Amino acid sequence: MKFDIIGDIHGCYEELLTLIHKLGYELKHGLPVHPDKRTLALVGDLTDRGPQSVDVMRFVIHAYSHGAIRYVPGNHCFKLYRYLKGNPVKLLHGIETTVNEIKKLPIHEQNKLSHEFKQLFEKAPLYDVLIPDELIIAHAAMKEKDIGKKPNKQMRSYLLFGAVTGETWPDGRPVRKDWAKEYHGKPWIVYGHTPVKEPRFVGRTVNIDTGCVFGNKLSALTYPELKTVSVPSSMPYDDSRFQHFTS
């Protein structure tokens, strides 16, 4: 089995299409098809901050419902799901852009998209074993001891939000722990959530979120080749949003 795992999209639909084509896929009836029978996998955070969150939602809903891609939700997906369910959600940290997009749609399209996205979130696994004992995708982090387990509330939090130090950045964002250094499992864990300027390999983990929505690039990891493929972002560059690790 061969996979192309794409990092956080955050509404950057044009970059997503460009990367899919660069990876060798064609879109047939809206579904990504590769001549070598490769499969796309997404590590979550489809929406927020970028210009075309609705288009990304529609693409993923359609492709996932036809079994054409693999997908795990991210923390932004979770927040949007809660909002669409009617839960009290603060419209901050990017979700306001997605909500504004949705509200511009005719009401019947709003209702249809809301229903389909809630179905997508409920059906998608919080982590996905793409190849048993070999390859797993998760949004933010994965503990070796949790592999194979059904996520409980604590595990869900770790998968969606990762590990934090308890400190915060000036804008209120939590400072994240470098969990990858503590992972010593056999399967590769490919994840996103924490923007880095280049795909980051630590042990058998790969952070593939290269901050497309913050003006850097959208990246994919090819497996089993373990090569990275990227396309440049069209968004303004914001250096402050990238995590800087000591090694």
Protein backbone atom coordinates (compact mmCIF):
# COMPACT_ATOMS: atom_id res chain seq x y z
CA MET A 1 0.00 0.00 0.00
CA LYS A 2 1.25 3.45 -0.94
CA PHE A 3 0.09 6.71 0.62
CA ASP A 4 0.56 10.44 0.20
CA ILE A 5 -0.11 12.15 3.52
CA ILE A 6 -0.97 15.86 3.38
CA GLY A 7 -0.54 18.29 6.26
CA ASP A 8 -2.96 20.89 7.66
CA ILE A 9 -4.90 22.57 4.83
CA HIS A 10 -6.77 25.31 6.72
CA GLY A 11 -8.91 26.41 3.79
CA CYS A 12 -6.05 26.63 1.28
CA TYR A 13 -8.03 24.87 -1.45
CA GLU A 14 -6.01 26.00 -4.47
CA GLU A 15 -2.77 24.81 -2.88
CA LEU A 16 -4.46 21.49 -2.07
CA LEU A 17 -5.45 20.97 -5.71
CA THR A 18 -1.98 21.98 -6.90
CA LEU A 19 -0.31 19.54 -4.51
CA ILE A 20 -2.67 16.71 -5.44
CA HIS A 21 -1.82 17.17 -9.12
CA LYS A 22 1.90 17.46 -8.34
CA LEU A 23 1.68 14.10 -6.56
CA GLY A 24 0.36 12.56 -9.78
CA TYR A 25 -3.37 12.35 -9.06
CA GLU A 26 -6.19 13.15 -11.45
CA LEU A 27 -9.61 14.24 -10.29
CA LYS A 28 -12.30 12.00 -11.77
CA HIS A 29 -15.83 13.00 -10.74
CA GLY A 30 -14.20 14.96 -7.91
CA LEU A 31 -12.27 11.93 -6.65
CA PRO A 32 -8.44 11.78 -6.57
CA VAL A 33 -7.21 8.83 -8.63
CA HIS A 34 -3.55 7.85 -9.00
CA PRO A 35 -2.22 5.65 -11.84
CA ASP A 36 -0.06 3.74 -9.32
CA LYS A 37 -3.05 3.13 -7.03
CA ARG A 38 -1.72 5.45 -4.33
CA THR A 39 -4.11 6.88 -1.73
CA LEU A 40 -4.33 10.35 -0.24
CA ALA A 41 -4.48 10.72 3.54
CA LEU A 42 -5.18 13.95 5.45
CA VAL A 43 -4.11 14.73 9.03
CA GLY A 44 -6.93 17.14 9.80
CA ASP A 45 -7.57 20.87 10.23
CA LEU A 46 -9.34 21.24 6.91
CA THR A 47 -10.75 24.68 7.65
CA ASP A 48 -10.21 28.09 9.30
CA ARG A 49 -8.05 31.10 8.46
CA GLY A 50 -7.67 30.26 4.77
CA PRO A 51 -9.84 31.64 1.94
CA GLN A 52 -11.76 28.55 0.78
CA SER A 53 -12.73 26.40 3.75
CA VAL A 54 -16.11 25.49 2.25
CA ASP A 55 -14.47 24.16 -0.92
CA VAL A 56 -12.08 22.04 1.15
CA MET A 57 -14.98 20.71 3.23
CA ARG A 58 -16.95 19.74 0.13
CA PHE A 59 -13.95 18.06 -1.49
CA VAL A 60 -13.13 15.98 1.58
CA ILE A 61 -16.75 15.08 2.33
CA HIS A 62 -17.22 13.84 -1.25
CA ALA A 63 -13.92 11.95 -1.47
CA TYR A 64 -14.21 10.39 1.99
CA SER A 65 -17.81 9.26 1.45
CA HIS A 66 -16.64 7.40 -1.68
CA GLY A 67 -13.68 5.77 0.08
CA ALA A 68 -11.19 7.68 -2.08
CA ILE A 69 -9.17 9.20 0.77
CA ARG A 70 -8.24 8.59 4.41
CA TYR A 71 -8.79 11.33 6.96
CA VAL A 72 -8.46 12.04 10.66
CA PRO A 73 -9.97 15.21 12.16
CA GLY A 74 -7.97 17.93 13.86
CA ASN A 75 -8.78 20.31 16.68
CA HIS A 76 -10.19 22.88 14.23
CA CYS A 77 -12.43 20.16 12.75
CA PHE A 78 -13.59 19.34 16.28
CA LYS A 79 -14.35 22.99 17.04
CA LEU A 80 -16.33 23.39 13.81
CA TYR A 81 -18.22 20.18 14.54
CA ARG A 82 -19.18 21.50 17.97
CA TYR A 83 -20.29 24.80 16.45
CA LEU A 84 -22.44 23.08 13.83
CA LYS A 85 -23.98 20.95 16.58
CA GLY A 86 -25.11 24.14 18.29
CA ASN A 87 -22.64 24.06 21.18
CA PRO A 88 -21.34 27.40 22.53
CA VAL A 89 -18.10 28.08 20.65
CA LYS A 90 -16.07 31.29 20.67
CA LEU A 91 -15.59 32.50 17.10
CA LEU A 92 -11.85 33.03 17.50
CA HIS A 93 -8.56 31.60 16.22
CA GLY A 94 -9.78 31.14 12.65
CA ILE A 95 -13.19 29.53 12.90
CA GLU A 96 -14.81 32.92 12.30
CA THR A 97 -13.56 32.83 8.69
CA THR A 98 -15.22 29.46 8.10
CA VAL A 99 -18.47 30.51 9.75
CA ASN A 100 -18.58 33.66 7.59
CA GLU A 101 -18.09 31.54 4.46
CA ILE A 102 -20.85 29.14 5.46
CA LYS A 103 -23.28 31.96 6.28
CA LYS A 104 -22.90 33.37 2.75
CA LEU A 105 -24.40 30.17 1.31
CA PRO A 106 -28.12 29.79 0.64
CA ILE A 107 -29.80 28.33 3.72
CA HIS A 108 -30.44 24.94 2.10
CA GLU A 109 -26.75 24.67 1.21
CA GLN A 110 -25.80 25.68 4.76
CA ASN A 111 -27.98 22.91 6.16
CA LYS A 112 -26.66 20.33 3.69
CA LEU A 113 -23.01 21.19 4.35
CA SER A 114 -23.56 21.22 8.11
CA HIS A 115 -25.21 17.79 8.04
CA GLU A 116 -22.52 16.29 5.82
CA PHE A 117 -19.62 17.70 7.82
CA LYS A 118 -21.07 16.41 11.09
CA GLN A 119 -21.39 12.98 9.46
CA LEU A 120 -17.79 13.18 8.26
CA PHE A 121 -16.49 14.01 11.74
CA GLU A 122 -18.53 11.27 13.38
CA LYS A 123 -17.38 8.59 10.93
CA ALA A 124 -13.68 9.50 10.79
CA PRO A 125 -11.32 7.84 13.29
CA LEU A 126 -9.34 10.04 15.68
CA TYR A 127 -6.27 8.14 14.52
CA ASP A 128 -6.01 5.87 11.52
CA VAL A 129 -3.80 2.82 11.16
CA LEU A 130 -3.01 2.98 7.46
CA ILE A 131 -0.72 -0.07 7.58
CA PRO A 132 -0.78 -2.26 10.72
CA ASP A 133 2.47 -2.09 12.73
CA GLU A 134 3.90 0.27 10.13
CA LEU A 135 2.05 3.55 9.50
CA ILE A 136 -0.42 5.66 11.51
CA ILE A 137 -1.81 9.15 11.00
CA ALA A 138 -3.00 11.38 13.83
CA HIS A 139 -3.58 15.11 13.97
CA ALA A 140 -1.43 16.36 16.83
CA ALA A 141 0.31 13.53 18.68
CA MET A 142 0.20 9.80 19.46
CA LYS A 143 1.45 7.81 22.42
CA GLU A 144 2.94 4.37 21.83
CA LYS A 145 0.85 2.88 24.65
CA ASP A 146 -2.37 4.11 22.98
CA ILE A 147 -1.84 2.36 19.65
CA GLY A 148 -4.69 -0.07 19.10
CA LYS A 149 -6.87 1.42 21.83
CA LYS A 150 -10.30 2.96 21.42
CA PRO A 151 -9.91 6.66 22.28
CA ASN A 152 -11.32 7.84 25.61
CA LYS A 153 -11.71 11.53 26.47
CA GLN A 154 -8.11 11.94 27.64
CA MET A 155 -6.71 10.15 24.61
CA ARG A 156 -8.94 12.22 22.30
CA SER A 157 -7.52 15.39 23.79
CA TYR A 158 -3.94 14.22 23.18
CA LEU A 159 -4.69 13.14 19.59
CA LEU A 160 -6.43 16.44 18.73
CA PHE A 161 -4.43 18.96 20.76
CA GLY A 162 -1.13 17.24 21.60
CA ALA A 163 0.90 17.84 24.73
CA VAL A 164 1.33 21.32 26.21
CA THR A 165 3.77 22.79 28.75
CA GLY A 166 1.18 24.84 30.63
CA GLU A 167 2.70 28.08 29.33
CA THR A 168 1.10 30.32 26.70
CA TRP A 169 2.29 32.56 23.90
CA PRO A 170 1.36 36.31 24.07
CA ASP A 171 -1.72 35.72 21.88
CA GLY A 172 -3.00 33.00 24.22
CA ARG A 173 -1.92 29.95 22.23
CA PRO A 174 -0.50 27.13 24.38
CA VAL A 175 3.20 26.32 24.20
CA ARG A 176 3.44 22.75 22.93
CA LYS A 177 5.71 19.99 24.19
CA ASP A 178 8.03 18.20 21.80
CA TRP A 179 6.18 14.90 22.21
CA ALA A 180 7.94 13.29 19.23
CA LYS A 181 11.18 12.92 21.20
CA GLU A 182 9.32 10.71 23.68
CA TYR A 183 7.85 8.37 21.05
CA HIS A 184 9.75 5.10 20.60
CA GLY A 185 7.12 2.93 18.93
CA LYS A 186 7.57 0.81 15.82
CA PRO A 187 4.92 2.33 13.51
CA TRP A 188 5.64 5.64 11.83
CA ILE A 189 3.40 8.42 13.18
CA VAL A 190 2.65 11.14 10.62
CA TYR A 191 0.94 14.20 12.06
CA GLY A 192 0.46 17.97 11.80
CA HIS A 193 -1.00 20.60 14.17
CA THR A 194 2.30 22.37 14.99
CA PRO A 195 3.50 24.49 12.04
CA VAL A 196 7.15 23.96 11.11
CA LYS A 197 9.02 25.50 8.19
CA GLU A 198 10.20 22.12 6.86
CA PRO A 199 8.76 18.62 7.41
CA ARG A 200 10.30 17.43 10.67
CA PHE A 201 11.58 13.89 11.10
CA VAL A 202 12.19 12.77 14.70
CA GLY A 203 12.68 9.05 15.27
CA ARG A 204 9.75 7.37 13.56
CA THR A 205 7.57 10.50 13.53
CA VAL A 206 7.04 13.11 10.81
CA ASN A 207 5.41 16.50 11.29
CA ILE A 208 4.02 17.35 7.86
CA ASP A 209 2.31 20.67 8.77
CA THR A 210 4.46 23.28 7.01
CA GLY A 211 2.14 26.20 7.69
CA CYS A 212 0.48 26.77 4.34
CA VAL A 213 -2.10 29.13 5.85
CA PHE A 214 0.75 31.15 7.39
CA GLY A 215 2.41 31.74 4.03
CA ASN A 216 4.95 28.91 3.86
CA LYS A 217 3.91 25.81 1.91
CA LEU A 218 1.57 22.82 1.82
CA SER A 219 3.44 19.54 2.10
CA ALA A 220 2.90 15.82 1.71
CA LEU A 221 4.88 12.79 2.84
CA THR A 222 5.06 9.91 0.37
CA TYR A 223 5.07 6.42 1.88
CA PRO A 224 6.90 4.04 1.75
CA GLU A 225 9.40 6.34 0.02
CA LEU A 226 9.49 8.80 2.97
CA LYS A 227 10.00 11.68 0.57
CA THR A 228 8.35 15.08 0.91
CA VAL A 229 6.58 17.04 -1.82
CA SER A 230 5.50 20.66 -1.35
CA VAL A 231 3.81 23.56 -3.15
CA PRO A 232 4.18 27.24 -2.16
CA SER A 233 1.48 29.11 -0.29
CA SER A 234 -0.39 32.10 -1.67
CA MET A 235 -1.01 33.46 1.83
CA PRO A 236 0.92 36.28 3.59
CA TYR A 237 3.95 34.98 5.50
CA ASP A 238 3.82 35.12 9.32
CA ASP A 239 7.04 33.90 10.89
CA SER A 240 5.62 34.14 14.41
CA ARG A 241 3.33 31.17 13.84
CA PHE A 242 6.09 28.60 13.37
CA GLN A 243 7.46 26.36 16.11
CA HIS A 244 11.22 26.54 16.53
CA PHE A 245 12.75 23.39 18.02
CA THR A 246 16.25 23.15 19.45
CA SER A 247 16.99 20.03 17.43
